[in-house]
Amino acid sequence: MRFFRKLKVVDVPVKTVPSKSDFKIYFRVQIAASKSRIEAKSYNFKGLSPIYREKEGDLYRYYFAKETSYKKVLKLKRKAEKKGYKSAFVVSFNGNEKIKLDKALGKAK
C-alpha cells in the first residue's frame, strides 16, 4: 500500500547579494563632449574606433574604446592624443555606472 502526502509548494523570495563577478569594471577614453548630437562614426572622430556616445544631462559624451585593462586604455589614450585629442582622459565604469578612477583601480584585477 502506498502513502502519499499532499505537499504544499510555497515560493519564498530569496535575496541575492551580488558577487564581485557580477560587477564589470571597464575603462573608456573620453575624447569629446557636446550639446550637439554627432554620429558615433570613426570618420567624425579622426579615424578612432570604436566610438561610444552617451547622453548625460544636456551633454553628449563621446568615448573611444572599452577596455578592462587600465594599461591598455592608457595606450589608447595616447593614441587619441596623437590624433589631436589633447584633452582626452580615462573614465571608469562599473557596469553602466561611472565610478571614480581610484575606486576602479582598487577593484580591477
C-alpha atoms as a PDB file:
ATOM      1  CA  MET A   1       0.000   0.000   0.000  1.00  0.00           C
ATOM      2  CA  ARG A   2       1.382   3.424  -0.952  1.00  0.00           C
ATOM      3  CA  PHE A   3       1.046   6.531   1.175  1.00  0.00           C
ATOM      4  CA  PHE A   4       1.286   9.936  -0.421  1.00  0.00           C
ATOM      5  CA  ARG A   5       1.190  13.196   1.400  1.00  0.00           C
ATOM      6  CA  LYS A   6      -0.128  16.267  -0.223  1.00  0.00           C
ATOM      7  CA  LEU A   7       2.772  18.636  -0.500  1.00  0.00           C
ATOM      8  CA  LYS A   8       2.245  22.333  -0.458  1.00  0.00           C
ATOM      9  CA  VAL A   9       4.669  24.275  -2.630  1.00  0.00           C
ATOM     10  CA  VAL A  10       5.463  27.761  -1.447  1.00  0.00           C
ATOM     11  CA  ASP A  11       7.543  30.281  -3.355  1.00  0.00           C
ATOM     12  CA  VAL A  12       9.857  32.075  -0.985  1.00  0.00           C
ATOM     13  CA  PRO A  13      11.632  35.164  -2.313  1.00  0.00           C
ATOM     14  CA  VAL A  14      15.355  34.885  -1.888  1.00  0.00           C
ATOM     15  CA  LYS A  15      17.507  37.970  -1.670  1.00  0.00           C
ATOM     16  CA  THR A  16      20.728  37.572  -3.517  1.00  0.00           C
ATOM     17  CA  VAL A  17      23.805  39.579  -2.830  1.00  0.00           C
ATOM     18  CA  PRO A  18      25.705  40.389  -5.994  1.00  0.00           C
ATOM     19  CA  SER A  19      29.119  38.812  -6.072  1.00  0.00           C
ATOM     20  CA  LYS A  20      32.242  40.613  -7.234  1.00  0.00           C
ATOM     21  CA  SER A  21      31.959  38.846 -10.582  1.00  0.00           C
ATOM     22  CA  ASP A  22      28.538  40.462 -11.164  1.00  0.00           C
ATOM     23  CA  PHE A  23      30.215  43.847 -11.487  1.00  0.00           C
ATOM     24  CA  LYS A  24      32.177  44.563 -14.604  1.00  0.00           C
ATOM     25  CA  ILE A  25      34.855  47.230 -14.273  1.00  0.00           C
ATOM     26  CA  TYR A  26      35.990  48.745 -17.535  1.00  0.00           C
ATOM     27  CA  PHE A  27      37.626  51.903 -18.842  1.00  0.00           C
ATOM     28  CA  ARG A  28      36.962  54.259 -21.744  1.00  0.00           C
ATOM     29  CA  VAL A  29      38.778  57.284 -23.126  1.00  0.00           C
ATOM     30  CA  GLN A  30      36.604  60.392 -23.226  1.00  0.00           C
ATOM     31  CA  ILE A  31      37.567  62.441 -26.255  1.00  0.00           C
ATOM     32  CA  ALA A  32      34.755  64.980 -26.512  1.00  0.00           C
ATOM     33  CA  ALA A  33      31.564  66.372 -25.003  1.00  0.00           C
ATOM     34  CA  SER A  34      28.999  68.439 -26.846  1.00  0.00           C
ATOM     35  CA  LYS A  35      25.447  69.713 -26.667  1.00  0.00           C
ATOM     36  CA  SER A  36      25.138  68.623 -30.299  1.00  0.00           C
ATOM     37  CA  ARG A  37      24.489  65.009 -31.197  1.00  0.00           C
ATOM     38  CA  ILE A  38      27.196  63.711 -33.538  1.00  0.00           C
ATOM     39  CA  GLU A  39      27.018  60.328 -35.206  1.00  0.00           C
ATOM     40  CA  ALA A  40      29.344  57.930 -33.398  1.00  0.00           C
ATOM     41  CA  LYS A  41      31.243  57.042 -36.566  1.00  0.00           C
ATOM     42  CA  SER A  42      35.010  56.846 -36.850  1.00  0.00           C
ATOM     43  CA  TYR A  43      35.114  59.398 -39.709  1.00  0.00           C
ATOM     44  CA  ASN A  44      33.685  62.010 -37.319  1.00  0.00           C
ATOM     45  CA  PHE A  45      36.454  61.286 -34.791  1.00  0.00           C
ATOM     46  CA  LYS A  46      39.672  61.300 -36.832  1.00  0.00           C
ATOM     47  CA  GLY A  47      39.505  57.585 -37.606  1.00  0.00           C
ATOM     48  CA  LEU A  48      39.268  56.402 -33.995  1.00  0.00           C
ATOM     49  CA  SER A  49      37.109  53.330 -33.493  1.00  0.00           C
ATOM     50  CA  PRO A  50      35.009  52.161 -31.744  1.00  0.00           C
ATOM     51  CA  ILE A  51      33.247  55.335 -30.621  1.00  0.00           C
ATOM     52  CA  TYR A  52      30.553  55.320 -27.945  1.00  0.00           C
ATOM     53  CA  ARG A  53      28.074  58.151 -27.371  1.00  0.00           C
ATOM     54  CA  GLU A  54      26.204  58.611 -24.098  1.00  0.00           C
ATOM     55  CA  LYS A  55      23.841  61.372 -23.098  1.00  0.00           C
ATOM     56  CA  GLU A  56      24.416  62.783 -19.633  1.00  0.00           C
ATOM     57  CA  GLY A  57      22.191  65.679 -18.708  1.00  0.00           C
ATOM     58  CA  ASP A  58      22.201  68.086 -21.641  1.00  0.00           C
ATOM     59  CA  LEU A  59      25.590  66.889 -22.934  1.00  0.00           C
ATOM     60  CA  TYR A  60      26.572  64.062 -25.227  1.00  0.00           C
ATOM     61  CA  ARG A  61      29.820  62.469 -24.146  1.00  0.00           C
ATOM     62  CA  TYR A  62      31.950  60.688 -26.720  1.00  0.00           C
ATOM     63  CA  TYR A  63      34.214  57.842 -25.704  1.00  0.00           C
ATOM     64  CA  PHE A  64      36.836  55.891 -27.593  1.00  0.00           C
ATOM     65  CA  ALA A  65      37.428  52.213 -26.819  1.00  0.00           C
ATOM     66  CA  LYS A  66      36.263  49.977 -23.983  1.00  0.00           C
ATOM     67  CA  GLU A  67      38.908  48.018 -22.085  1.00  0.00           C
ATOM     68  CA  THR A  68      39.075  46.059 -18.857  1.00  0.00           C
ATOM     69  CA  SER A  69      42.840  46.625 -18.683  1.00  0.00           C
ATOM     70  CA  TYR A  70      43.997  50.002 -17.392  1.00  0.00           C
ATOM     71  CA  LYS A  71      47.374  49.595 -19.145  1.00  0.00           C
ATOM     72  CA  LYS A  72      45.652  49.019 -22.499  1.00  0.00           C
ATOM     73  CA  VAL A  73      43.358  52.006 -22.084  1.00  0.00           C
ATOM     74  CA  LEU A  74      46.345  54.251 -21.301  1.00  0.00           C
ATOM     75  CA  LYS A  75      47.892  53.215 -24.639  1.00  0.00           C
ATOM     76  CA  LEU A  76      44.608  54.023 -26.362  1.00  0.00           C
ATOM     77  CA  LYS A  77      44.503  57.409 -24.608  1.00  0.00           C
ATOM     78  CA  ARG A  78      47.948  58.190 -26.050  1.00  0.00           C
ATOM     79  CA  LYS A  79      46.655  57.153 -29.481  1.00  0.00           C
ATOM     80  CA  ALA A  80      43.728  59.598 -29.124  1.00  0.00           C
ATOM     81  CA  GLU A  81      46.145  62.351 -28.056  1.00  0.00           C
ATOM     82  CA  LYS A  82      48.301  61.702 -31.136  1.00  0.00           C
ATOM     83  CA  LYS A  83      45.179  62.075 -33.299  1.00  0.00           C
ATOM     84  CA  GLY A  84      44.653  65.544 -31.834  1.00  0.00           C
ATOM     85  CA  TYR A  85      42.512  64.916 -28.765  1.00  0.00           C
ATOM     86  CA  LYS A  86      44.979  66.551 -26.374  1.00  0.00           C
ATOM     87  CA  SER A  87      42.463  66.786 -23.522  1.00  0.00           C
ATOM     88  CA  ALA A  88      41.453  63.094 -23.680  1.00  0.00           C
ATOM     89  CA  PHE A  89      41.166  61.349 -20.330  1.00  0.00           C
ATOM     90  CA  VAL A  90      40.287  57.940 -18.898  1.00  0.00           C
ATOM     91  CA  VAL A  91      36.840  57.319 -17.415  1.00  0.00           C
ATOM     92  CA  SER A  92      35.996  54.210 -15.390  1.00  0.00           C
ATOM     93  CA  PHE A  93      32.703  52.335 -15.190  1.00  0.00           C
ATOM     94  CA  ASN A  94      31.189  49.605 -13.076  1.00  0.00           C
ATOM     95  CA  GLY A  95      28.565  48.142 -15.349  1.00  0.00           C
ATOM     96  CA  ASN A  96      26.800  51.197 -16.769  1.00  0.00           C
ATOM     97  CA  GLU A  97      27.619  53.428 -13.809  1.00  0.00           C
ATOM     98  CA  LYS A  98      30.535  55.870 -13.838  1.00  0.00           C
ATOM     99  CA  ILE A  99      32.839  55.439 -10.860  1.00  0.00           C
ATOM    100  CA  LYS A 100      35.933  57.223  -9.628  1.00  0.00           C
ATOM    101  CA  LEU A 101      39.117  56.031 -11.256  1.00  0.00           C
ATOM    102  CA  ASP A 102      40.892  55.257  -7.977  1.00  0.00           C
ATOM    103  CA  LYS A 103      37.936  53.115  -6.893  1.00  0.00           C
ATOM    104  CA  ALA A 104      38.038  51.217 -10.210  1.00  0.00           C
ATOM    105  CA  LEU A 105      41.762  50.646  -9.940  1.00  0.00           C
ATOM    106  CA  GLY A 106      41.247  49.209  -6.464  1.00  0.00           C
ATOM    107  CA  LYS A 107      38.653  46.796  -7.829  1.00  0.00           C
ATOM    108  CA  ALA A 108      40.165  45.971 -11.228  1.00  0.00           C
ATOM    109  CA  LYS A 109      42.394  42.932 -11.344  1.00  0.00           C
END
